C-alpha atoms as a PDB file:
ATOM      1  CA  MET A   1      71.981 104.578 109.950  1.00  0.00           C
ATOM      2  CA  THR A   2      72.233 105.506 106.815  1.00  0.00           C
ATOM      3  CA  SER A   3      70.537 108.727 105.559  1.00  0.00           C
ATOM      4  CA  PRO A   4      69.571 109.011 101.536  1.00  0.00           C
ATOM      5  CA  LEU A   5      72.149 110.010  99.500  1.00  0.00           C
ATOM      6  CA  HIS A   6      72.650 113.890  98.099  1.00  0.00           C
ATOM      7  CA  SER A   7      74.509 114.668  94.963  1.00  0.00           C
ATOM      8  CA  PHE A   8      76.028 117.461  94.092  1.00  0.00           C
ATOM      9  CA  PRO A   9      78.021 118.599  90.589  1.00  0.00           C
ATOM     10  CA  ILE A  10      81.551 119.737  89.972  1.00  0.00           C
ATOM     11  CA  THR A  11      82.766 120.888  86.905  1.00  0.00           C
ATOM     12  CA  VAL A  12      86.831 120.888  86.588  1.00  0.00           C
ATOM     13  CA  TYR A  13      89.016 123.986  85.713  1.00  0.00           C
ATOM     14  CA  TYR A  14      91.747 124.651  84.599  1.00  0.00           C
ATOM     15  CA  GLU A  15      92.390 125.548  88.301  1.00  0.00           C
ATOM     16  CA  ASP A  16      92.171 122.282  89.468  1.00  0.00           C
ATOM     17  CA  THR A  17      94.854 120.473  87.528  1.00  0.00           C
ATOM     18  CA  ASP A  18      98.193 120.120  88.018  1.00  0.00           C
ATOM     19  CA  MET A  19     100.925 120.209  84.790  1.00  0.00           C
ATOM     20  CA  GLY A  20      99.379 117.067  83.061  1.00  0.00           C
ATOM     21  CA  GLY A  21      96.383 118.448  82.943  1.00  0.00           C
ATOM     22  CA  ILE A  22      94.677 116.308  85.577  1.00  0.00           C
ATOM     23  CA  VAL A  23      92.586 116.676  88.804  1.00  0.00           C
ATOM     24  CA  TYR A  24      95.526 117.620  91.745  1.00  0.00           C
ATOM     25  CA  HIS A  25      95.122 115.170  94.374  1.00  0.00           C
ATOM     26  CA  ALA A  26      93.995 117.796  97.226  1.00  0.00           C
ATOM     27  CA  ASN A  27      91.640 119.287  95.342  1.00  0.00           C
ATOM     28  CA  TYR A  28      89.370 116.556  95.846  1.00  0.00           C
ATOM     29  CA  LEU A  29      88.767 116.967  99.083  1.00  0.00           C
ATOM     30  CA  LYS A  30      87.934 120.655  98.568  1.00  0.00           C
ATOM     31  CA  TYR A  31      84.975 118.828  96.492  1.00  0.00           C
ATOM     32  CA  ILE A  32      84.006 116.867  98.874  1.00  0.00           C
ATOM     33  CA  GLU A  33      84.470 119.707 101.623  1.00  0.00           C
ATOM     34  CA  ARG A  34      81.747 121.407  98.948  1.00  0.00           C
ATOM     35  CA  ALA A  35      79.447 119.310  98.932  1.00  0.00           C
ATOM     36  CA  ARG A  36      79.334 118.898 102.564  1.00  0.00           C
ATOM     37  CA  SER A  37      78.903 121.685 102.973  1.00  0.00           C
ATOM     38  CA  ALA A  38      75.780 121.294 100.336  1.00  0.00           C
ATOM     39  CA  TRP A  39      74.779 118.459 102.435  1.00  0.00           C
ATOM     40  CA  VAL A  40      74.528 120.227 105.521  1.00  0.00           C
ATOM     41  CA  ARG A  41      72.779 123.692 103.883  1.00  0.00           C
ATOM     42  CA  ASP A  42      70.141 121.354 101.999  1.00  0.00           C
ATOM     43  CA  LYS A  43      69.095 119.722 105.841  1.00  0.00           C
ATOM     44  CA  GLY A  44      68.309 123.361 106.816  1.00  0.00           C
ATOM     45  CA  ILE A  45      71.677 123.897 109.363  1.00  0.00           C
ATOM     46  CA  ASP A  46      73.076 126.776 108.188  1.00  0.00           C
ATOM     47  CA  GLN A  47      76.506 126.847 109.199  1.00  0.00           C
ATOM     48  CA  ASN A  48      77.034 131.524 109.775  1.00  0.00           C
ATOM     49  CA  ALA A  49      74.221 130.967 112.241  1.00  0.00           C
ATOM     50  CA  MET A  50      75.629 128.048 113.857  1.00  0.00           C
ATOM     51  CA  ARG A  51      78.633 129.474 114.549  1.00  0.00           C
ATOM     52  CA  ASP A  52      77.905 132.915 115.199  1.00  0.00           C
ATOM     53  CA  CYS A  53      74.379 131.974 117.848  1.00  0.00           C
ATOM     54  CA  ASP A  54      75.631 128.799 119.291  1.00  0.00           C
ATOM     55  CA  GLY A  55      79.283 129.259 119.185  1.00  0.00           C
ATOM     56  CA  LEU A  56      79.324 125.781 117.311  1.00  0.00           C
ATOM     57  CA  ILE A  57      81.560 124.960 114.759  1.00  0.00           C
ATOM     58  CA  PHE A  58      82.290 121.379 112.490  1.00  0.00           C
ATOM     59  CA  ALA A  59      85.687 120.117 112.002  1.00  0.00           C
ATOM     60  CA  VAL A  60      86.867 117.410 110.222  1.00  0.00           C
ATOM     61  CA  ARG A  61      88.501 114.763 112.834  1.00  0.00           C
ATOM     62  CA  ARG A  62      89.863 112.032 110.364  1.00  0.00           C
ATOM     63  CA  VAL A  63      89.597 111.540 106.241  1.00  0.00           C
ATOM     64  CA  GLU A  64      90.153 108.578 105.061  1.00  0.00           C
ATOM     65  CA  ALA A  65      90.381 108.510 101.291  1.00  0.00           C
ATOM     66  CA  ASP A  66      91.690 106.635  98.104  1.00  0.00           C
ATOM     67  CA  TYR A  67      92.799 107.925  94.405  1.00  0.00           C
ATOM     68  CA  LEU A  68      91.221 105.257  91.979  1.00  0.00           C
ATOM     69  CA  GLY A  69      91.124 107.353  88.445  1.00  0.00           C
ATOM     70  CA  PRO A  70      92.038 110.701  87.326  1.00  0.00           C
ATOM     71  CA  ALA A  71      89.494 113.810  86.015  1.00  0.00           C
ATOM     72  CA  ARG A  72      90.579 116.183  83.767  1.00  0.00           C
ATOM     73  CA  LEU A  73      90.202 119.466  82.589  1.00  0.00           C
ATOM     74  CA  ASP A  74      86.519 119.838  81.696  1.00  0.00           C
ATOM     75  CA  ASP A  75      84.966 116.744  83.115  1.00  0.00           C
ATOM     76  CA  ARG A  76      81.770 116.814  84.841  1.00  0.00           C
ATOM     77  CA  LEU A  77      82.342 114.728  88.601  1.00  0.00           C
ATOM     78  CA  THR A  78      79.550 114.583  90.733  1.00  0.00           C
ATOM     79  CA  VAL A  79      80.352 114.083  94.543  1.00  0.00           C
ATOM     80  CA  GLU A  80      77.393 111.533  95.993  1.00  0.00           C
ATOM     81  CA  THR A  81      77.244 112.317 100.362  1.00  0.00           C
ATOM     82  CA  ARG A  82      75.713 109.838 102.834  1.00  0.00           C
ATOM     83  CA  ALA A  83      76.041 109.716 106.122  1.00  0.00           C
ATOM     84  CA  VAL A  84      76.555 106.461 107.907  1.00  0.00           C
ATOM     85  CA  ALA A  85      77.335 106.578 111.375  1.00  0.00           C
ATOM     86  CA  GLY A  86      77.148 108.812 114.326  1.00  0.00           C
ATOM     87  CA  THR A  87      77.825 108.965 117.544  1.00  0.00           C
ATOM     88  CA  GLY A  88      77.042 112.048 119.686  1.00  0.00           C
ATOM     89  CA  ALA A  89      79.372 114.640 118.908  1.00  0.00           C
ATOM     90  CA  ARG A  90      80.269 112.751 115.913  1.00  0.00           C
ATOM     91  CA  LEU A  91      79.439 111.776 112.094  1.00  0.00           C
ATOM     92  CA  VAL A  92      81.127 109.093 109.731  1.00  0.00           C
ATOM     93  CA  ILE A  93      80.170 110.409 106.087  1.00  0.00           C
ATOM     94  CA  GLU A  94      80.937 108.317 102.899  1.00  0.00           C
ATOM     95  CA  GLN A  95      81.868 110.207 100.351  1.00  0.00           C
ATOM     96  CA  SER A  96      82.843 109.398  96.295  1.00  0.00           C
ATOM     97  CA  VAL A  97      83.254 111.389  93.658  1.00  0.00           C
ATOM     98  CA  LEU A  98      81.650 109.736  89.823  1.00  0.00           C
ATOM     99  CA  ARG A  99      82.469 110.696  86.380  1.00  0.00           C
ATOM    100  CA  GLY A 100      79.604 109.305  84.670  1.00  0.00           C
ATOM    101  CA  THR A 101      79.428 106.009  86.305  1.00  0.00           C
ATOM    102  CA  ASP A 102      83.032 105.611  87.114  1.00  0.00           C
ATOM    103  CA  VAL A 103      83.932 106.003  90.624  1.00  0.00           C
ATOM    104  CA  ILE A 104      87.185 107.576  90.551  1.00  0.00           C
ATOM    105  CA  PHE A 105      87.400 108.823  94.546  1.00  0.00           C
ATOM    106  CA  THR A 106      86.343 107.638  97.471  1.00  0.00           C
ATOM    107  CA  ALA A 107      86.683 109.036 100.938  1.00  0.00           C
ATOM    108  CA  GLN A 108      85.697 108.199 104.984  1.00  0.00           C
ATOM    109  CA  VAL A 109      84.901 111.324 106.861  1.00  0.00           C
ATOM    110  CA  THR A 110      84.198 111.979 110.515  1.00  0.00           C
ATOM    111  CA  ILE A 111      82.881 115.002 111.606  1.00  0.00           C
ATOM    112  CA  ALA A 112      83.112 116.503 115.029  1.00  0.00           C
ATOM    113  CA  CYS A 113      80.699 119.268 116.789  1.00  0.00           C
ATOM    114  CA  LEU A 114      82.766 121.604 118.803  1.00  0.00           C
ATOM    115  CA  THR A 115      82.293 125.291 120.590  1.00  0.00           C
ATOM    116  CA  LEU A 116      84.653 127.400 119.378  1.00  0.00           C
ATOM    117  CA  ALA A 117      86.539 126.822 122.529  1.00  0.00           C
ATOM    118  CA  GLY A 118      87.141 123.419 120.952  1.00  0.00           C
ATOM    119  CA  LYS A 119      84.729 121.171 123.356  1.00  0.00           C
ATOM    120  CA  PRO A 120      82.719 118.362 121.310  1.00  0.00           C
ATOM    121  CA  VAL A 121      78.462 119.021 121.718  1.00  0.00           C
ATOM    122  CA  LYS A 122      76.087 116.945 120.257  1.00  0.00           C
ATOM    123  CA  LEU A 123      75.491 117.469 117.077  1.00  0.00           C
ATOM    124  CA  PRO A 124      72.317 119.621 115.728  1.00  0.00           C
ATOM    125  CA  ALA A 125      69.452 117.636 115.707  1.00  0.00           C
ATOM    126  CA  PRO A 126      69.089 117.558 111.578  1.00  0.00           C
ATOM    127  CA  LEU A 127      72.311 115.431 111.356  1.00  0.00           C
ATOM    128  CA  ARG A 128      71.354 113.269 114.613  1.00  0.00           C
ATOM    129  CA  THR A 129      68.069 111.220 112.561  1.00  0.00           C
ATOM    130  CA  THR A 130      69.592 111.210 109.168  1.00  0.00           C
ATOM    131  CA  GLY A 131      68.066 107.857 108.118  1.00  0.00           C
END
């Protein structure tokens, strides 16, 4: 299973940087989270309704990340997201942060679908059928 590539634009603001003007490492996790949320929304899933009506949420189970180059103030970045594997309740997503054509960060993220009590449940249909 490999889903089509989803692109999400990010602009680096002053608040994203450290004293050296370079994006603080934890902010890459925020960038890829925003991109995953947009990807899920673009698949027709309303996470608020999923929680409020169905009692289901997504949780990050695992992140493996590589920092390959710095981003700086005012850089225009693109986060690329695609699903690469899935089981009943889990989805493995590959994400890359690019500045132009240069890949500066990569991550493989495993998300799980859970009840509000924390019990694993089957992923919503739009995520099971990505391909």
